[in-house]
Amino acid sequence: MNSSFSTHRKTGRWSVLIILLLTALLVSACGSSQATSTSAAGTATSENSSGEQRTITYLGKEYTVPATAERIVITGSMEAMEDALLLDVHPVGAITYSGKFPEKFASITDQAESIGEKTEPNFETILSLKPDVILGTTKFDAPVVEQLNKIAPTIQVSHISDNWQDNLKLMGELTGKSKEAQTAITTYQQDVATAKAELKDKMKDKTVLAVRIRQGSVCVYPSNVFVNAALYEDVGLNVPDIIQQTKAQQEISIEQFAQINPDYLFIQFSTDENPDTPGALEDLKKNPILSKTKAFQEGHVYVNVIDPLSEGGPAWSRDQFLKAAVKELSQ
């Protein structure tokens, strides 16, 4: 009896020791696993949310932006859209025109969501896209910019044609494509020099006019706005008096047009800008007064030599128009 009890007591002690040992091993293993899990989560957080920032300068103003701006939203600025097109930058959110992305931006809007029309940013959609940087426009009112800045650092891209190089450099700096931006600028400047040499004598006594049909009206612009910047400021063609007097987009009458009597005429026309007057271009061509002007009589009228929704001033459309214009004017 005593021997049996002693044996049973020894066996019980060994059972307790084994249980304690297994428990210790299990706790140790769980602790190790938890530590490994915590370590891995910490690493992932560090890699994806480093919070690193940098300061860039654009048109004399400093902006604090993420070190890597991978998620860019463009709202209100067709200038920024064209710069993105030139540098092959794919924004996560972009401007629609009449409810759709313009065809010329198809190559960069393949993964973008619409954030509203040019003058109507959708704040809720922009917020949902979690942008690193928002590129707005200097045309936005202060309350709009304030609202955008609550979502992400917002830079108002200049709509002034004279700032086209700074705009392109900004896009390049934000996206790591500064070299490509500078190359585009240098190439354009070389193309301008070639155009000047080629057209200097041929266009000496000629008048070249560029107009845009909007809401059925024929509009002209200052010498540094629209495609005029390439024609008059860059290449140095003669500036018509009406262009010299124009301070902003201005409608001209048929009589004023006839008085200018241009030798060469470039027309931009898009049905998106003329929803209520889709026949405005054909009406212009058939006008009996205009048909007697030199450009029409000599067959020097060119319609949409570049995409009709092009701004004219930014690097992309400036370069595209220069090449198209030189091709026509040099014949």
C-alpha atoms as a PDB file:
ATOM      1  CA  MET A   1       0.000   0.000   0.000  1.00  0.00           C
ATOM      2  CA  ASN A   2       2.722   2.391   0.994  1.00  0.00           C
ATOM      3  CA  SER A   3       4.880   1.291  -1.943  1.00  0.00           C
ATOM      4  CA  SER A   4       1.979   1.782  -4.326  1.00  0.00           C
ATOM      5  CA  PHE A   5       1.240   5.201  -2.928  1.00  0.00           C
ATOM      6  CA  SER A   6       4.905   6.198  -3.261  1.00  0.00           C
ATOM      7  CA  THR A   7       5.032   5.066  -6.873  1.00  0.00           C
ATOM      8  CA  HIS A   8       1.810   6.946  -7.675  1.00  0.00           C
ATOM      9  CA  ARG A   9       3.193  10.101  -6.014  1.00  0.00           C
ATOM     10  CA  LYS A  10       6.390   9.946  -8.084  1.00  0.00           C
ATOM     11  CA  THR A  11       4.389   9.462 -11.253  1.00  0.00           C
ATOM     12  CA  GLY A  12       2.223  12.471 -10.400  1.00  0.00           C
ATOM     13  CA  ARG A  13       5.323  14.628  -9.862  1.00  0.00           C
ATOM     14  CA  TRP A  14       6.676  13.660 -13.270  1.00  0.00           C
ATOM     15  CA  SER A  15       3.323  14.492 -14.889  1.00  0.00           C
ATOM     16  CA  VAL A  16       3.313  17.944 -13.308  1.00  0.00           C
ATOM     17  CA  LEU A  17       6.877  18.590 -14.453  1.00  0.00           C
ATOM     18  CA  ILE A  18       6.069  17.524 -18.011  1.00  0.00           C
ATOM     19  CA  ILE A  19       2.989  19.780 -18.101  1.00  0.00           C
ATOM     20  CA  LEU A  20       4.986  22.743 -16.785  1.00  0.00           C
ATOM     21  CA  LEU A  21       7.715  22.150 -19.359  1.00  0.00           C
ATOM     22  CA  LEU A  22       5.216  21.956 -22.244  1.00  0.00           C
ATOM     23  CA  THR A  23       3.482  25.110 -21.026  1.00  0.00           C
ATOM     24  CA  ALA A  24       6.802  26.986 -20.887  1.00  0.00           C
ATOM     25  CA  LEU A  25       7.671  25.873 -24.421  1.00  0.00           C
ATOM     26  CA  LEU A  26       4.251  26.903 -25.706  1.00  0.00           C
ATOM     27  CA  VAL A  27       4.467  30.344 -24.096  1.00  0.00           C
ATOM     28  CA  SER A  28       7.964  30.801 -25.481  1.00  0.00           C
ATOM     29  CA  ALA A  29       6.857  29.830 -28.975  1.00  0.00           C
ATOM     30  CA  CYS A  30       3.848  32.182 -28.862  1.00  0.00           C
ATOM     31  CA  GLY A  31       6.005  35.012 -27.624  1.00  0.00           C
ATOM     32  CA  SER A  32       8.509  34.449 -30.416  1.00  0.00           C
ATOM     33  CA  SER A  33       5.729  34.315 -33.002  1.00  0.00           C
ATOM     34  CA  GLN A  34       4.146  37.492 -31.661  1.00  0.00           C
ATOM     35  CA  ALA A  35       7.503  39.276 -31.711  1.00  0.00           C
ATOM     36  CA  THR A  36       8.107  38.179 -35.287  1.00  0.00           C
ATOM     37  CA  SER A  37       4.626  39.324 -36.305  1.00  0.00           C
ATOM     38  CA  THR A  38       5.084  42.693 -34.583  1.00  0.00           C
ATOM     39  CA  SER A  39       8.480  43.152 -36.210  1.00  0.00           C
ATOM     40  CA  ALA A  40       7.111  42.401 -39.679  1.00  0.00           C
ATOM     41  CA  ALA A  41       4.195  44.803 -39.219  1.00  0.00           C
ATOM     42  CA  GLY A  42       6.564  47.503 -38.063  1.00  0.00           C
ATOM     43  CA  THR A  43       8.725  47.048 -41.135  1.00  0.00           C
ATOM     44  CA  ALA A  44       5.733  47.254 -43.469  1.00  0.00           C
ATOM     45  CA  THR A  45       4.550  50.448 -41.793  1.00  0.00           C
ATOM     46  CA  SER A  46       7.984  51.959 -42.140  1.00  0.00           C
ATOM     47  CA  GLU A  47       8.216  51.112 -45.838  1.00  0.00           C
ATOM     48  CA  ASN A  48       4.724  52.296 -46.813  1.00  0.00           C
ATOM     49  CA  SER A  49       4.300  55.297 -44.549  1.00  0.00           C
ATOM     50  CA  SER A  50       7.736  56.773 -44.135  1.00  0.00           C
ATOM     51  CA  GLY A  51       6.293  60.278 -43.931  1.00  0.00           C
ATOM     52  CA  GLU A  52       9.407  61.676 -45.605  1.00  0.00           C
ATOM     53  CA  GLN A  53       8.879  65.110 -47.120  1.00  0.00           C
ATOM     54  CA  ARG A  54      10.776  67.635 -49.157  1.00  0.00           C
ATOM     55  CA  THR A  55      10.456  71.303 -50.082  1.00  0.00           C
ATOM     56  CA  ILE A  56      10.228  72.434 -53.692  1.00  0.00           C
ATOM     57  CA  THR A  57      10.070  75.939 -55.112  1.00  0.00           C
ATOM     58  CA  TYR A  58       7.671  76.904 -57.887  1.00  0.00           C
ATOM     59  CA  LEU A  59       7.277  80.471 -59.164  1.00  0.00           C
ATOM     60  CA  GLY A  60       8.952  81.873 -56.064  1.00  0.00           C
ATOM     61  CA  LYS A  61       6.797  79.987 -53.556  1.00  0.00           C
ATOM     62  CA  GLU A  62       7.845  77.008 -51.444  1.00  0.00           C
ATOM     63  CA  TYR A  63       5.716  73.875 -51.100  1.00  0.00           C
ATOM     64  CA  THR A  64       6.165  70.930 -48.752  1.00  0.00           C
ATOM     65  CA  VAL A  65       5.320  67.700 -50.536  1.00  0.00           C
ATOM     66  CA  PRO A  66       5.972  63.965 -50.035  1.00  0.00           C
ATOM     67  CA  ALA A  67       9.440  62.798 -51.009  1.00  0.00           C
ATOM     68  CA  THR A  68       7.835  60.562 -53.625  1.00  0.00           C
ATOM     69  CA  ALA A  69       4.668  61.860 -55.282  1.00  0.00           C
ATOM     70  CA  GLU A  70       3.197  58.722 -56.830  1.00  0.00           C
ATOM     71  CA  ARG A  71      -0.491  59.580 -56.502  1.00  0.00           C
ATOM     72  CA  ILE A  72      -1.147  62.851 -58.311  1.00  0.00           C
ATOM     73  CA  VAL A  73      -4.557  64.384 -58.854  1.00  0.00           C
ATOM     74  CA  ILE A  74      -5.005  67.090 -61.494  1.00  0.00           C
ATOM     75  CA  THR A  75      -7.996  69.367 -61.156  1.00  0.00           C
ATOM     76  CA  GLY A  76      -8.796  72.553 -63.042  1.00  0.00           C
ATOM     77  CA  SER A  77      -5.464  72.737 -64.847  1.00  0.00           C
ATOM     78  CA  MET A  78      -5.392  71.690 -68.491  1.00  0.00           C
ATOM     79  CA  GLU A  79      -1.820  72.976 -68.444  1.00  0.00           C
ATOM     80  CA  ALA A  80      -0.883  70.281 -65.943  1.00  0.00           C
ATOM     81  CA  MET A  81      -2.761  67.692 -68.006  1.00  0.00           C
ATOM     82  CA  GLU A  82      -0.696  68.574 -71.070  1.00  0.00           C
ATOM     83  CA  ASP A  83       2.542  68.494 -69.080  1.00  0.00           C
ATOM     84  CA  ALA A  84       1.593  65.051 -67.770  1.00  0.00           C
ATOM     85  CA  LEU A  85       0.961  63.941 -71.348  1.00  0.00           C
ATOM     86  CA  LEU A  86       4.347  65.185 -72.504  1.00  0.00           C
ATOM     87  CA  LEU A  87       6.201  63.447 -69.652  1.00  0.00           C
ATOM     88  CA  ASP A  88       4.019  60.308 -69.638  1.00  0.00           C
ATOM     89  CA  VAL A  89       2.785  60.879 -66.099  1.00  0.00           C
ATOM     90  CA  HIS A  90      -0.339  58.895 -65.155  1.00  0.00           C
ATOM     91  CA  PRO A  91      -2.456  60.757 -62.565  1.00  0.00           C
ATOM     92  CA  VAL A  92      -4.827  58.809 -60.323  1.00  0.00           C
ATOM     93  CA  GLY A  93      -7.453  61.510 -60.815  1.00  0.00           C
ATOM     94  CA  ALA A  94      -7.912  63.784 -63.809  1.00  0.00           C
ATOM     95  CA  ILE A  95     -10.219  66.313 -65.461  1.00  0.00           C
ATOM     96  CA  THR A  96     -13.071  65.279 -67.708  1.00  0.00           C
ATOM     97  CA  TYR A  97     -14.476  67.463 -70.464  1.00  0.00           C
ATOM     98  CA  SER A  98     -18.209  67.202 -71.132  1.00  0.00           C
ATOM     99  CA  GLY A  99     -18.252  64.088 -68.965  1.00  0.00           C
ATOM    100  CA  LYS A 100     -15.333  62.232 -70.528  1.00  0.00           C
ATOM    101  CA  PHE A 101     -11.560  62.286 -70.780  1.00  0.00           C
ATOM    102  CA  PRO A 102     -10.466  64.056 -73.976  1.00  0.00           C
ATOM    103  CA  GLU A 103      -9.127  61.544 -76.500  1.00  0.00           C
ATOM    104  CA  LYS A 104      -5.688  63.124 -76.612  1.00  0.00           C
ATOM    105  CA  PHE A 105      -5.167  62.185 -72.947  1.00  0.00           C
ATOM    106  CA  ALA A 106      -6.085  58.516 -73.451  1.00  0.00           C
ATOM    107  CA  SER A 107      -2.496  57.319 -72.977  1.00  0.00           C
ATOM    108  CA  ILE A 108      -2.231  58.797 -69.451  1.00  0.00           C
ATOM    109  CA  THR A 109      -5.792  58.437 -68.147  1.00  0.00           C
ATOM    110  CA  ASP A 110      -5.858  54.652 -68.526  1.00  0.00           C
ATOM    111  CA  GLN A 111      -6.036  54.191 -64.743  1.00  0.00           C
ATOM    112  CA  ALA A 112      -7.423  57.578 -63.722  1.00  0.00           C
ATOM    113  CA  GLU A 113     -10.763  58.394 -62.160  1.00  0.00           C
ATOM    114  CA  SER A 114     -12.734  61.482 -63.100  1.00  0.00           C
ATOM    115  CA  ILE A 115     -12.534  64.136 -60.398  1.00  0.00           C
ATOM    116  CA  GLY A 116     -15.040  66.410 -62.123  1.00  0.00           C
ATOM    117  CA  GLU A 117     -15.085  68.970 -64.902  1.00  0.00           C
ATOM    118  CA  LYS A 118     -12.439  71.620 -65.453  1.00  0.00           C
ATOM    119  CA  THR A 119     -14.054  74.204 -63.156  1.00  0.00           C
ATOM    120  CA  GLU A 120     -15.951  71.816 -60.887  1.00  0.00           C
ATOM    121  CA  PRO A 121     -13.666  69.647 -58.708  1.00  0.00           C
ATOM    122  CA  ASN A 122     -15.378  66.804 -56.857  1.00  0.00           C
ATOM    123  CA  PHE A 123     -13.861  67.020 -53.370  1.00  0.00           C
ATOM    124  CA  GLU A 124     -15.319  63.727 -52.190  1.00  0.00           C
ATOM    125  CA  THR A 125     -13.801  61.800 -55.102  1.00  0.00           C
ATOM    126  CA  ILE A 126     -10.452  63.537 -54.710  1.00  0.00           C
ATOM    127  CA  LEU A 127     -10.408  62.634 -51.006  1.00  0.00           C
ATOM    128  CA  SER A 128     -11.163  58.985 -51.783  1.00  0.00           C
ATOM    129  CA  LEU A 129      -8.140  58.799 -54.104  1.00  0.00           C
ATOM    130  CA  LYS A 130      -5.740  59.632 -51.232  1.00  0.00           C
ATOM    131  CA  PRO A 131      -3.471  61.847 -53.362  1.00  0.00           C
ATOM    132  CA  ASP A 132       0.121  62.689 -52.461  1.00  0.00           C
ATOM    133  CA  VAL A 133      -0.144  65.996 -54.318  1.00  0.00           C
ATOM    134  CA  ILE A 134      -2.987  67.921 -55.950  1.00  0.00           C
ATOM    135  CA  LEU A 135      -2.263  70.101 -58.975  1.00  0.00           C
ATOM    136  CA  GLY A 136      -4.911  72.807 -59.220  1.00  0.00           C
ATOM    137  CA  THR A 137      -4.994  76.037 -61.197  1.00  0.00           C
ATOM    138  CA  THR A 138      -4.379  79.721 -60.505  1.00  0.00           C
ATOM    139  CA  LYS A 139      -7.930  80.257 -61.760  1.00  0.00           C
ATOM    140  CA  PHE A 140      -9.351  78.629 -58.605  1.00  0.00           C
ATOM    141  CA  ASP A 141     -10.811  80.907 -55.954  1.00  0.00           C
ATOM    142  CA  ALA A 142      -9.296  80.855 -52.460  1.00  0.00           C
ATOM    143  CA  PRO A 143     -12.091  78.758 -50.846  1.00  0.00           C
ATOM    144  CA  VAL A 144     -11.553  75.988 -53.421  1.00  0.00           C
ATOM    145  CA  VAL A 145      -7.798  75.950 -52.809  1.00  0.00           C
ATOM    146  CA  GLU A 146      -8.363  75.907 -49.041  1.00  0.00           C
ATOM    147  CA  GLN A 147     -10.627  72.880 -49.355  1.00  0.00           C
ATOM    148  CA  LEU A 148      -8.128  71.053 -51.573  1.00  0.00           C
ATOM    149  CA  ASN A 149      -5.275  71.762 -49.160  1.00  0.00           C
ATOM    150  CA  LYS A 150      -7.243  69.988 -46.438  1.00  0.00           C
ATOM    151  CA  ILE A 151      -7.002  66.838 -48.547  1.00  0.00           C
ATOM    152  CA  ALA A 152      -3.361  67.028 -49.700  1.00  0.00           C
ATOM    153  CA  PRO A 153      -0.645  69.584 -50.505  1.00  0.00           C
ATOM    154  CA  THR A 154      -2.044  71.636 -53.376  1.00  0.00           C
ATOM    155  CA  ILE A 155      -0.038  73.559 -55.959  1.00  0.00           C
ATOM    156  CA  GLN A 156      -1.824  76.063 -58.172  1.00  0.00           C
ATOM    157  CA  VAL A 157      -0.361  75.603 -61.642  1.00  0.00           C
ATOM    158  CA  SER A 158      -0.138  78.853 -63.590  1.00  0.00           C
ATOM    159  CA  HIS A 159      -2.516  79.335 -66.513  1.00  0.00           C
ATOM    160  CA  ILE A 160      -0.274  82.081 -67.919  1.00  0.00           C
ATOM    161  CA  SER A 161       1.464  80.924 -71.107  1.00  0.00           C
ATOM    162  CA  ASP A 162       4.709  82.678 -70.188  1.00  0.00           C
ATOM    163  CA  ASN A 163       5.165  80.202 -67.324  1.00  0.00           C
ATOM    164  CA  TRP A 164       5.127  77.107 -69.534  1.00  0.00           C
ATOM    165  CA  GLN A 165       8.726  76.152 -68.771  1.00  0.00           C
ATOM    166  CA  ASP A 166       8.232  76.482 -65.000  1.00  0.00           C
ATOM    167  CA  ASN A 167       5.070  74.392 -65.253  1.00  0.00           C
ATOM    168  CA  LEU A 168       6.827  71.609 -67.112  1.00  0.00           C
ATOM    169  CA  LYS A 169       9.780  71.663 -64.716  1.00  0.00           C
ATOM    170  CA  LEU A 170       7.356  71.406 -61.789  1.00  0.00           C
ATOM    171  CA  MET A 171       5.798  68.256 -63.225  1.00  0.00           C
ATOM    172  CA  GLY A 172       9.259  66.847 -63.851  1.00  0.00           C
ATOM    173  CA  GLU A 173      10.465  67.582 -60.326  1.00  0.00           C
ATOM    174  CA  LEU A 174       7.386  66.050 -58.707  1.00  0.00           C
ATOM    175  CA  THR A 175       7.642  62.839 -60.718  1.00  0.00           C
ATOM    176  CA  GLY A 176      11.397  62.316 -61.026  1.00  0.00           C
ATOM    177  CA  LYS A 177      11.446  63.364 -64.669  1.00  0.00           C
ATOM    178  CA  SER A 178      13.367  66.620 -64.484  1.00  0.00           C
ATOM    179  CA  LYS A 179      15.818  65.480 -67.145  1.00  0.00           C
ATOM    180  CA  GLU A 180      13.001  64.681 -69.580  1.00  0.00           C
ATOM    181  CA  ALA A 181      11.396  68.070 -68.903  1.00  0.00           C
ATOM    182  CA  GLN A 182      14.621  69.945 -69.642  1.00  0.00           C
ATOM    183  CA  THR A 183      15.207  67.902 -72.792  1.00  0.00           C
ATOM    184  CA  ALA A 184      11.734  68.851 -74.061  1.00  0.00           C
ATOM    185  CA  ILE A 185      12.401  72.530 -73.405  1.00  0.00           C
ATOM    186  CA  THR A 186      15.769  72.435 -75.169  1.00  0.00           C
ATOM    187  CA  THR A 187      14.331  70.581 -78.159  1.00  0.00           C
ATOM    188  CA  TYR A 188      11.527  73.126 -78.522  1.00  0.00           C
ATOM    189  CA  GLN A 189      13.978  76.018 -78.409  1.00  0.00           C
ATOM    190  CA  GLN A 190      16.006  74.381 -81.169  1.00  0.00           C
ATOM    191  CA  ASP A 191      12.833  73.887 -83.244  1.00  0.00           C
ATOM    192  CA  VAL A 192      11.987  77.577 -82.794  1.00  0.00           C
ATOM    193  CA  ALA A 193      15.421  78.608 -84.061  1.00  0.00           C
ATOM    194  CA  THR A 194      14.954  76.406 -87.137  1.00  0.00           C
ATOM    195  CA  ALA A 195      11.479  77.825 -87.769  1.00  0.00           C
ATOM    196  CA  LYS A 196      12.726  81.400 -87.535  1.00  0.00           C
ATOM    197  CA  ALA A 197      15.403  80.750 -90.131  1.00  0.00           C
ATOM    198  CA  GLU A 198      12.985  78.951 -92.436  1.00  0.00           C
ATOM    199  CA  LEU A 199      10.131  81.467 -92.266  1.00  0.00           C
ATOM    200  CA  LYS A 200      11.976  84.766 -91.845  1.00  0.00           C
ATOM    201  CA  ASP A 201      11.937  85.862 -95.503  1.00  0.00           C
ATOM    202  CA  LYS A 202       8.816  84.007 -96.619  1.00  0.00           C
ATOM    203  CA  MET A 203       6.564  85.538 -93.948  1.00  0.00           C
ATOM    204  CA  LYS A 204       8.126  89.006 -93.921  1.00  0.00           C
ATOM    205  CA  ASP A 205       5.066  90.785 -95.347  1.00  0.00           C
ATOM    206  CA  LYS A 206       2.422  88.215 -94.444  1.00  0.00           C
ATOM    207  CA  THR A 207      -0.282  88.242 -91.791  1.00  0.00           C
ATOM    208  CA  VAL A 208      -1.003  85.064 -89.842  1.00  0.00           C
ATOM    209  CA  LEU A 209      -4.069  84.841 -87.619  1.00  0.00           C
ATOM    210  CA  ALA A 210      -5.209  82.106 -85.224  1.00  0.00           C
ATOM    211  CA  VAL A 211      -8.788  82.002 -83.938  1.00  0.00           C
ATOM    212  CA  ARG A 212     -10.858  79.723 -81.776  1.00  0.00           C
ATOM    213  CA  ILE A 213     -14.585  79.218 -82.232  1.00  0.00           C
ATOM    214  CA  ARG A 214     -16.365  79.104 -78.885  1.00  0.00           C
ATOM    215  CA  GLN A 215     -20.126  79.112 -78.381  1.00  0.00           C
ATOM    216  CA  GLY A 216     -20.456  79.969 -82.048  1.00  0.00           C
ATOM    217  CA  SER A 217     -18.276  83.079 -81.782  1.00  0.00           C
ATOM    218  CA  VAL A 218     -14.906  83.738 -83.431  1.00  0.00           C
ATOM    219  CA  CYS A 219     -12.400  84.570 -80.671  1.00  0.00           C
ATOM    220  CA  VAL A 220      -8.893  85.999 -80.715  1.00  0.00           C
ATOM    221  CA  TYR A 221      -6.290  86.204 -77.950  1.00  0.00           C
ATOM    222  CA  PRO A 222      -3.308  88.339 -76.844  1.00  0.00           C
ATOM    223  CA  SER A 223       0.053  87.703 -78.495  1.00  0.00           C
ATOM    224  CA  ASN A 224       1.286  85.572 -75.558  1.00  0.00           C
ATOM    225  CA  VAL A 225      -1.865  83.478 -75.136  1.00  0.00           C
ATOM    226  CA  PHE A 226      -3.204  80.435 -76.983  1.00  0.00           C
ATOM    227  CA  VAL A 227      -1.093  79.334 -80.000  1.00  0.00           C
ATOM    228  CA  ASN A 228      -0.218  83.002 -80.519  1.00  0.00           C
ATOM    229  CA  ALA A 229       2.710  82.522 -78.153  1.00  0.00           C
ATOM    230  CA  ALA A 230       4.393  80.211 -80.652  1.00  0.00           C
ATOM    231  CA  LEU A 231       3.523  82.321 -83.702  1.00  0.00           C
ATOM    232  CA  TYR A 232       4.367  85.790 -82.476  1.00  0.00           C
ATOM    233  CA  GLU A 233       6.565  85.564 -79.385  1.00  0.00           C
ATOM    234  CA  ASP A 234       8.644  82.516 -80.269  1.00  0.00           C
ATOM    235  CA  VAL A 235       8.902  82.566 -84.074  1.00  0.00           C
ATOM    236  CA  GLY A 236       8.490  86.339 -84.311  1.00  0.00           C
ATOM    237  CA  LEU A 237       5.827  86.650 -87.016  1.00  0.00           C
ATOM    238  CA  ASN A 238       4.062  89.969 -87.586  1.00  0.00           C
ATOM    239  CA  VAL A 239       1.477  90.697 -84.898  1.00  0.00           C
ATOM    240  CA  PRO A 240      -1.857  91.963 -86.299  1.00  0.00           C
ATOM    241  CA  ASP A 241      -3.104  95.235 -84.760  1.00  0.00           C
ATOM    242  CA  ILE A 242      -6.158  93.589 -83.252  1.00  0.00           C
ATOM    243  CA  ILE A 243      -3.971  91.057 -81.468  1.00  0.00           C
ATOM    244  CA  GLN A 244      -1.794  93.834 -80.070  1.00  0.00           C
ATOM    245  CA  GLN A 245      -4.895  95.518 -78.668  1.00  0.00           C
ATOM    246  CA  THR A 246      -6.425  92.350 -77.216  1.00  0.00           C
ATOM    247  CA  LYS A 247      -6.044  91.904 -73.442  1.00  0.00           C
ATOM    248  CA  ALA A 248      -7.955  88.627 -73.012  1.00  0.00           C
ATOM    249  CA  GLN A 249     -10.173  86.301 -75.012  1.00  0.00           C
ATOM    250  CA  GLN A 250     -12.159  88.590 -77.285  1.00  0.00           C
ATOM    251  CA  GLU A 251     -14.934  87.955 -79.772  1.00  0.00           C
ATOM    252  CA  ILE A 252     -14.500  89.592 -83.161  1.00  0.00           C
ATOM    253  CA  SER A 253     -17.130  90.332 -85.762  1.00  0.00           C
ATOM    254  CA  ILE A 254     -17.096  89.181 -89.375  1.00  0.00           C
ATOM    255  CA  GLU A 255     -16.373  92.762 -90.387  1.00  0.00           C
ATOM    256  CA  GLN A 256     -13.339  92.940 -88.083  1.00  0.00           C
ATOM    257  CA  PHE A 257     -12.121  89.637 -89.474  1.00  0.00           C
ATOM    258  CA  ALA A 258     -12.445  90.926 -93.033  1.00  0.00           C
ATOM    259  CA  GLN A 259     -10.545  94.065 -92.068  1.00  0.00           C
ATOM    260  CA  ILE A 260      -7.623  91.978 -90.770  1.00  0.00           C
ATOM    261  CA  ASN A 261      -7.715  90.042 -94.058  1.00  0.00           C
ATOM    262  CA  PRO A 262      -5.074  87.477 -93.038  1.00  0.00           C
ATOM    263  CA  ASP A 263      -2.896  85.655 -95.543  1.00  0.00           C
ATOM    264  CA  TYR A 264      -2.943  82.534 -93.384  1.00  0.00           C
ATOM    265  CA  LEU A 265      -5.640  81.428 -90.963  1.00  0.00           C
ATOM    266  CA  PHE A 266      -5.539  78.742 -88.275  1.00  0.00           C
ATOM    267  CA  ILE A 267      -8.890  77.741 -86.785  1.00  0.00           C
ATOM    268  CA  GLN A 268      -9.552  75.604 -83.734  1.00  0.00           C
ATOM    269  CA  PHE A 269     -13.041  74.191 -83.441  1.00  0.00           C
ATOM    270  CA  SER A 270     -14.464  71.559 -81.108  1.00  0.00           C
ATOM    271  CA  THR A 271     -18.081  70.501 -80.792  1.00  0.00           C
ATOM    272  CA  ASP A 272     -17.446  70.248 -77.033  1.00  0.00           C
ATOM    273  CA  GLU A 273     -16.975  74.020 -76.968  1.00  0.00           C
ATOM    274  CA  ASN A 274     -19.918  74.629 -79.282  1.00  0.00           C
ATOM    275  CA  PRO A 275     -22.688  72.324 -78.039  1.00  0.00           C
ATOM    276  CA  ASP A 276     -25.442  74.759 -79.067  1.00  0.00           C
ATOM    277  CA  THR A 277     -23.837  75.790 -82.367  1.00  0.00           C
ATOM    278  CA  PRO A 278     -22.370  72.622 -83.915  1.00  0.00           C
ATOM    279  CA  GLY A 279     -22.558  74.150 -87.409  1.00  0.00           C
ATOM    280  CA  ALA A 280     -20.545  77.272 -86.525  1.00  0.00           C
ATOM    281  CA  LEU A 281     -17.455  76.167 -88.444  1.00  0.00           C
ATOM    282  CA  GLU A 282     -19.337  75.403 -91.641  1.00  0.00           C
ATOM    283  CA  ASP A 283     -21.230  78.678 -91.354  1.00  0.00           C
ATOM    284  CA  LEU A 284     -17.910  80.494 -91.093  1.00  0.00           C
ATOM    285  CA  LYS A 285     -16.529  78.783 -94.180  1.00  0.00           C
ATOM    286  CA  LYS A 286     -19.638  79.658 -96.194  1.00  0.00           C
ATOM    287  CA  ASN A 287     -19.810  83.300 -95.108  1.00  0.00           C
ATOM    288  CA  PRO A 288     -19.745  85.442 -98.304  1.00  0.00           C
ATOM    289  CA  ILE A 289     -17.648  88.161 -96.675  1.00  0.00           C
ATOM    290  CA  LEU A 290     -14.974  85.801 -95.359  1.00  0.00           C
ATOM    291  CA  SER A 291     -14.804  83.872 -98.605  1.00  0.00           C
ATOM    292  CA  LYS A 292     -13.310  86.998-100.185  1.00  0.00           C
ATOM    293  CA  THR A 293     -10.414  87.293 -97.731  1.00  0.00           C
ATOM    294  CA  LYS A 294      -6.938  86.290 -98.895  1.00  0.00           C
ATOM    295  CA  ALA A 295      -6.640  83.221 -96.649  1.00  0.00           C
ATOM    296  CA  PHE A 296      -9.841  81.694 -98.010  1.00  0.00           C
ATOM    297  CA  GLN A 297      -9.198  82.618-101.631  1.00  0.00           C
ATOM    298  CA  GLU A 298      -5.629  81.287-101.614  1.00  0.00           C
ATOM    299  CA  GLY A 299      -6.480  78.083 -99.758  1.00  0.00           C
ATOM    300  CA  HIS A 300      -4.501  78.979 -96.644  1.00  0.00           C
ATOM    301  CA  VAL A 301      -7.135  78.085 -94.063  1.00  0.00           C
ATOM    302  CA  TYR A 302      -6.142  75.295 -91.666  1.00  0.00           C
ATOM    303  CA  VAL A 303      -8.595  73.713 -89.240  1.00  0.00           C
ATOM    304  CA  ASN A 304      -7.477  71.817 -86.133  1.00  0.00           C
ATOM    305  CA  VAL A 305      -3.841  71.266 -87.066  1.00  0.00           C
ATOM    306  CA  ILE A 306      -3.580  70.067 -83.457  1.00  0.00           C
ATOM    307  CA  ASP A 307      -6.234  68.673 -81.126  1.00  0.00           C
ATOM    308  CA  PRO A 308      -8.956  71.368 -80.889  1.00  0.00           C
ATOM    309  CA  LEU A 309      -9.033  71.255 -77.085  1.00  0.00           C
ATOM    310  CA  SER A 310      -5.322  72.051 -76.827  1.00  0.00           C
ATOM    311  CA  GLU A 311      -4.475  75.053 -74.680  1.00  0.00           C
ATOM    312  CA  GLY A 312      -1.769  76.346 -77.009  1.00  0.00           C
ATOM    313  CA  GLY A 313       0.537  77.733 -74.330  1.00  0.00           C
ATOM    314  CA  PRO A 314       1.802  74.617 -72.481  1.00  0.00           C
ATOM    315  CA  ALA A 315       4.820  72.693 -73.732  1.00  0.00           C
ATOM    316  CA  TRP A 316       2.899  69.858 -75.406  1.00  0.00           C
ATOM    317  CA  SER A 317       0.541  71.913 -77.569  1.00  0.00           C
ATOM    318  CA  ARG A 318       3.147  74.625 -78.138  1.00  0.00           C
ATOM    319  CA  ASP A 319       5.485  72.061 -79.656  1.00  0.00           C
ATOM    320  CA  GLN A 320       2.724  70.282 -81.586  1.00  0.00           C
ATOM    321  CA  PHE A 321       1.410  73.533 -83.037  1.00  0.00           C
ATOM    322  CA  LEU A 322       4.851  74.838 -83.967  1.00  0.00           C
ATOM    323  CA  LYS A 323       5.572  71.756 -86.035  1.00  0.00           C
ATOM    324  CA  ALA A 324       2.147  71.822 -87.732  1.00  0.00           C
ATOM    325  CA  ALA A 325       2.278  75.569 -88.431  1.00  0.00           C
ATOM    326  CA  VAL A 326       5.762  75.483 -89.907  1.00  0.00           C
ATOM    327  CA  LYS A 327       4.718  72.629 -92.173  1.00  0.00           C
ATOM    328  CA  GLU A 328       1.821  74.685 -93.575  1.00  0.00           C
ATOM    329  CA  LEU A 329       3.518  78.076 -93.675  1.00  0.00           C
ATOM    330  CA  SER A 330       6.659  76.815 -95.403  1.00  0.00           C
ATOM    331  CA  GLN A 331       4.791  75.395 -98.432  1.00  0.00           C
END
